[in-house]
Amino acid sequence: NYFCALCERNLETTLHLYTECPFTRKLWELVTVWSNCGHLTPAVWSVQHDMEDWFMTITDKGTKAAHSLSILTLWQVWKQRNAVILKGERKSEQAVFIEIKDECSTWAAAGGRVLSALRIAQGFASN
C-alpha cells in the first residue's frame, strides 16, 4: 500500500509519517503538553523537505531529556505503523501516547538519567 497506514490519506514517506501525518501530529501535541517541551509541538516546526534536517531542527533545542523523548516518540510511531500493517492492530493517539509515557518511565527506571527528571516533574499517571 502506498498510503500512510496511520491516516490512510497521503502517500507514506518518512517525512509524512513522522511530521505531517495527522495521527502523528496529535501524538507530538500530546507529548509536548505532557513534557512541557514546547519545541516538540508541530505548530512551531518550520517546513522541512528532509527528515534529517527536521530531526536536527527539533533536537537542536531543549534538554537531553527532550532529545530522548523525541527518539522515543519516533520509535512508538514506527511501532504503531508496523502494528497496523503487519497485525491489523490500530490504536488511538491517546493509547499510543500512554505507551510513550510508559516506555519513558521504563527507560528512566532502567537508568535513563536524563528521563528521570521528566519522570519526577511530570508524573507518569496514564491520563
C-alpha atoms as a PDB file:
ATOM      1  CA  ASN A   1       0.000   0.000   0.000  1.00  0.00           C
ATOM      2  CA  TYR A   2       1.343   3.393  -0.958  1.00  0.00           C
ATOM      3  CA  PHE A   3      -0.781   5.266   1.555  1.00  0.00           C
ATOM      4  CA  CYS A   4       0.136   6.047   5.140  1.00  0.00           C
ATOM      5  CA  ALA A   5      -1.089   3.260   7.408  1.00  0.00           C
ATOM      6  CA  LEU A   6      -1.937   5.708  10.183  1.00  0.00           C
ATOM      7  CA  CYS A   7      -4.030   8.294   8.331  1.00  0.00           C
ATOM      8  CA  GLU A   8      -4.768   6.497   5.034  1.00  0.00           C
ATOM      9  CA  ARG A   9      -4.858   9.894   3.297  1.00  0.00           C
ATOM     10  CA  ASN A  10      -1.406  10.606   1.951  1.00  0.00           C
ATOM     11  CA  LEU A  11       1.419   8.759   0.308  1.00  0.00           C
ATOM     12  CA  GLU A  12       3.640   7.361   3.003  1.00  0.00           C
ATOM     13  CA  THR A  13       7.035   8.944   3.042  1.00  0.00           C
ATOM     14  CA  THR A  14       9.310   9.141   6.031  1.00  0.00           C
ATOM     15  CA  LEU A  15       8.695  12.859   6.313  1.00  0.00           C
ATOM     16  CA  HIS A  16       4.934  12.362   6.121  1.00  0.00           C
ATOM     17  CA  LEU A  17       4.898   9.549   8.689  1.00  0.00           C
ATOM     18  CA  TYR A  18       6.854  11.452  11.323  1.00  0.00           C
ATOM     19  CA  THR A  19       5.985  15.099  10.697  1.00  0.00           C
ATOM     20  CA  GLU A  20       2.884  15.544   8.535  1.00  0.00           C
ATOM     21  CA  CYS A  21       0.507  12.680   9.369  1.00  0.00           C
ATOM     22  CA  PRO A  22      -2.473  13.944  11.408  1.00  0.00           C
ATOM     23  CA  PHE A  23      -2.201  10.911  13.722  1.00  0.00           C
ATOM     24  CA  THR A  24       1.462  11.603  14.412  1.00  0.00           C
ATOM     25  CA  ARG A  25       0.971  15.349  14.804  1.00  0.00           C
ATOM     26  CA  LYS A  26      -1.631  14.675  17.502  1.00  0.00           C
ATOM     27  CA  LEU A  27       0.887  12.436  19.285  1.00  0.00           C
ATOM     28  CA  TRP A  28       3.511  15.182  19.150  1.00  0.00           C
ATOM     29  CA  GLU A  29       0.993  17.618  20.623  1.00  0.00           C
ATOM     30  CA  LEU A  30       0.174  15.229  23.481  1.00  0.00           C
ATOM     31  CA  VAL A  31       3.882  14.663  24.164  1.00  0.00           C
ATOM     32  CA  THR A  32       4.517  18.421  24.109  1.00  0.00           C
ATOM     33  CA  VAL A  33       1.826  19.234  26.645  1.00  0.00           C
ATOM     34  CA  TRP A  34       2.789  16.364  28.935  1.00  0.00           C
ATOM     35  CA  SER A  35       6.548  17.020  28.809  1.00  0.00           C
ATOM     36  CA  ASN A  36       6.410  20.817  28.634  1.00  0.00           C
ATOM     37  CA  CYS A  37       8.907  20.662  25.742  1.00  0.00           C
ATOM     38  CA  GLY A  38       7.389  23.396  23.571  1.00  0.00           C
ATOM     39  CA  HIS A  39       9.747  22.922  20.642  1.00  0.00           C
ATOM     40  CA  LEU A  40       8.298  19.442  20.034  1.00  0.00           C
ATOM     41  CA  THR A  41       4.905  20.815  19.021  1.00  0.00           C
ATOM     42  CA  PRO A  42       4.173  20.732  15.289  1.00  0.00           C
ATOM     43  CA  ALA A  43       2.844  24.303  15.465  1.00  0.00           C
ATOM     44  CA  VAL A  44       6.395  25.686  15.819  1.00  0.00           C
ATOM     45  CA  TRP A  45       8.127  23.484  13.243  1.00  0.00           C
ATOM     46  CA  SER A  46       9.387  25.111  10.099  1.00  0.00           C
ATOM     47  CA  VAL A  47       8.658  23.399   6.807  1.00  0.00           C
ATOM     48  CA  GLN A  48      11.351  20.851   6.093  1.00  0.00           C
ATOM     49  CA  HIS A  49      11.911  18.792   2.985  1.00  0.00           C
ATOM     50  CA  ASP A  50      14.369  16.388   4.511  1.00  0.00           C
ATOM     51  CA  MET A  51      13.910  14.116   7.516  1.00  0.00           C
ATOM     52  CA  GLU A  52      17.429  14.647   8.791  1.00  0.00           C
ATOM     53  CA  ASP A  53      17.038  18.438   8.655  1.00  0.00           C
ATOM     54  CA  TRP A  54      13.725  18.205  10.515  1.00  0.00           C
ATOM     55  CA  PHE A  55      15.188  15.990  13.230  1.00  0.00           C
ATOM     56  CA  MET A  56      18.239  18.190  13.668  1.00  0.00           C
ATOM     57  CA  THR A  57      15.981  21.228  13.964  1.00  0.00           C
ATOM     58  CA  ILE A  58      13.767  19.804  16.693  1.00  0.00           C
ATOM     59  CA  THR A  59      16.659  18.304  18.665  1.00  0.00           C
ATOM     60  CA  ASP A  60      18.794  21.436  18.365  1.00  0.00           C
ATOM     61  CA  LYS A  61      16.708  22.984  21.125  1.00  0.00           C
ATOM     62  CA  GLY A  62      15.813  21.645  24.512  1.00  0.00           C
ATOM     63  CA  THR A  63      17.310  19.293  27.022  1.00  0.00           C
ATOM     64  CA  LYS A  64      18.800  15.840  26.699  1.00  0.00           C
ATOM     65  CA  ALA A  65      15.520  14.536  28.097  1.00  0.00           C
ATOM     66  CA  ALA A  66      13.672  16.191  25.208  1.00  0.00           C
ATOM     67  CA  HIS A  67      16.106  14.589  22.759  1.00  0.00           C
ATOM     68  CA  SER A  68      15.462  11.155  24.255  1.00  0.00           C
ATOM     69  CA  LEU A  69      11.736  11.807  24.274  1.00  0.00           C
ATOM     70  CA  SER A  70      11.908  12.709  20.573  1.00  0.00           C
ATOM     71  CA  ILE A  71      13.588   9.422  19.755  1.00  0.00           C
ATOM     72  CA  LEU A  72      11.121   7.507  21.906  1.00  0.00           C
ATOM     73  CA  THR A  73       8.167   9.190  20.164  1.00  0.00           C
ATOM     74  CA  LEU A  74       9.570   8.352  16.727  1.00  0.00           C
ATOM     75  CA  TRP A  75      10.076   4.752  17.814  1.00  0.00           C
ATOM     76  CA  GLN A  76       6.483   4.445  19.048  1.00  0.00           C
ATOM     77  CA  VAL A  77       5.143   5.929  15.788  1.00  0.00           C
ATOM     78  CA  TRP A  78       7.144   3.330  13.858  1.00  0.00           C
ATOM     79  CA  LYS A  79       5.851   0.525  16.076  1.00  0.00           C
ATOM     80  CA  GLN A  80       2.245   1.685  15.610  1.00  0.00           C
ATOM     81  CA  ARG A  81       2.685   1.893  11.849  1.00  0.00           C
ATOM     82  CA  ASN A  82       4.016  -1.666  11.799  1.00  0.00           C
ATOM     83  CA  ALA A  83       1.246  -2.920  14.097  1.00  0.00           C
ATOM     84  CA  VAL A  84      -1.344  -1.588  11.640  1.00  0.00           C
ATOM     85  CA  ILE A  85       0.393  -3.029   8.581  1.00  0.00           C
ATOM     86  CA  LEU A  86       1.573  -6.359   9.936  1.00  0.00           C
ATOM     87  CA  LYS A  87      -1.100  -7.231  12.508  1.00  0.00           C
ATOM     88  CA  GLY A  88      -4.083  -5.059  11.614  1.00  0.00           C
ATOM     89  CA  GLU A  89      -3.957  -3.576  15.131  1.00  0.00           C
ATOM     90  CA  ARG A  90      -4.983   0.070  15.198  1.00  0.00           C
ATOM     91  CA  LYS A  91      -4.750   2.149  18.390  1.00  0.00           C
ATOM     92  CA  SER A  92      -5.907   5.665  19.114  1.00  0.00           C
ATOM     93  CA  GLU A  93      -3.487   8.531  19.504  1.00  0.00           C
ATOM     94  CA  GLN A  94      -4.240   8.526  23.234  1.00  0.00           C
ATOM     95  CA  ALA A  95      -3.396   4.808  23.551  1.00  0.00           C
ATOM     96  CA  VAL A  96      -0.056   5.273  21.758  1.00  0.00           C
ATOM     97  CA  PHE A  97       0.629   8.326  23.921  1.00  0.00           C
ATOM     98  CA  ILE A  98       0.113   6.223  27.057  1.00  0.00           C
ATOM     99  CA  GLU A  99       2.611   3.722  25.633  1.00  0.00           C
ATOM    100  CA  ILE A 100       5.090   6.586  25.128  1.00  0.00           C
ATOM    101  CA  LYS A 101       4.699   7.621  28.768  1.00  0.00           C
ATOM    102  CA  ASP A 102       5.004   4.035  29.995  1.00  0.00           C
ATOM    103  CA  GLU A 103       8.109   3.426  27.889  1.00  0.00           C
ATOM    104  CA  CYS A 104       9.605   6.690  29.129  1.00  0.00           C
ATOM    105  CA  SER A 105       9.065   5.513  32.690  1.00  0.00           C
ATOM    106  CA  THR A 106      10.703   2.185  31.876  1.00  0.00           C
ATOM    107  CA  TRP A 107      13.708   3.918  30.301  1.00  0.00           C
ATOM    108  CA  ALA A 108      14.063   6.156  33.359  1.00  0.00           C
ATOM    109  CA  ALA A 109      13.749   3.229  35.783  1.00  0.00           C
ATOM    110  CA  ALA A 110      16.378   1.303  33.801  1.00  0.00           C
ATOM    111  CA  GLY A 111      18.906   4.090  34.293  1.00  0.00           C
ATOM    112  CA  GLY A 112      17.965   6.674  31.685  1.00  0.00           C
ATOM    113  CA  ARG A 113      19.077   9.514  33.935  1.00  0.00           C
ATOM    114  CA  VAL A 114      18.028  12.271  31.564  1.00  0.00           C
ATOM    115  CA  LEU A 115      14.447  10.999  31.581  1.00  0.00           C
ATOM    116  CA  SER A 116      14.338  10.676  35.367  1.00  0.00           C
ATOM    117  CA  ALA A 117      13.902  14.435  35.746  1.00  0.00           C
ATOM    118  CA  LEU A 118      10.929  14.354  33.370  1.00  0.00           C
ATOM    119  CA  ARG A 119       9.541  11.353  35.235  1.00  0.00           C
ATOM    120  CA  ILE A 120       9.707  13.171  38.572  1.00  0.00           C
ATOM    121  CA  ALA A 121       8.497  16.543  37.267  1.00  0.00           C
ATOM    122  CA  GLN A 122       5.559  15.308  35.218  1.00  0.00           C
ATOM    123  CA  GLY A 123       4.499  12.067  36.808  1.00  0.00           C
ATOM    124  CA  PHE A 124       3.525   9.001  34.857  1.00  0.00           C
ATOM    125  CA  ALA A 125      -0.171   8.667  35.523  1.00  0.00           C
ATOM    126  CA  SER A 126      -1.961   7.435  32.410  1.00  0.00           C
ATOM    127  CA  ASN A 127      -4.260  10.378  31.789  1.00  0.00           C
END
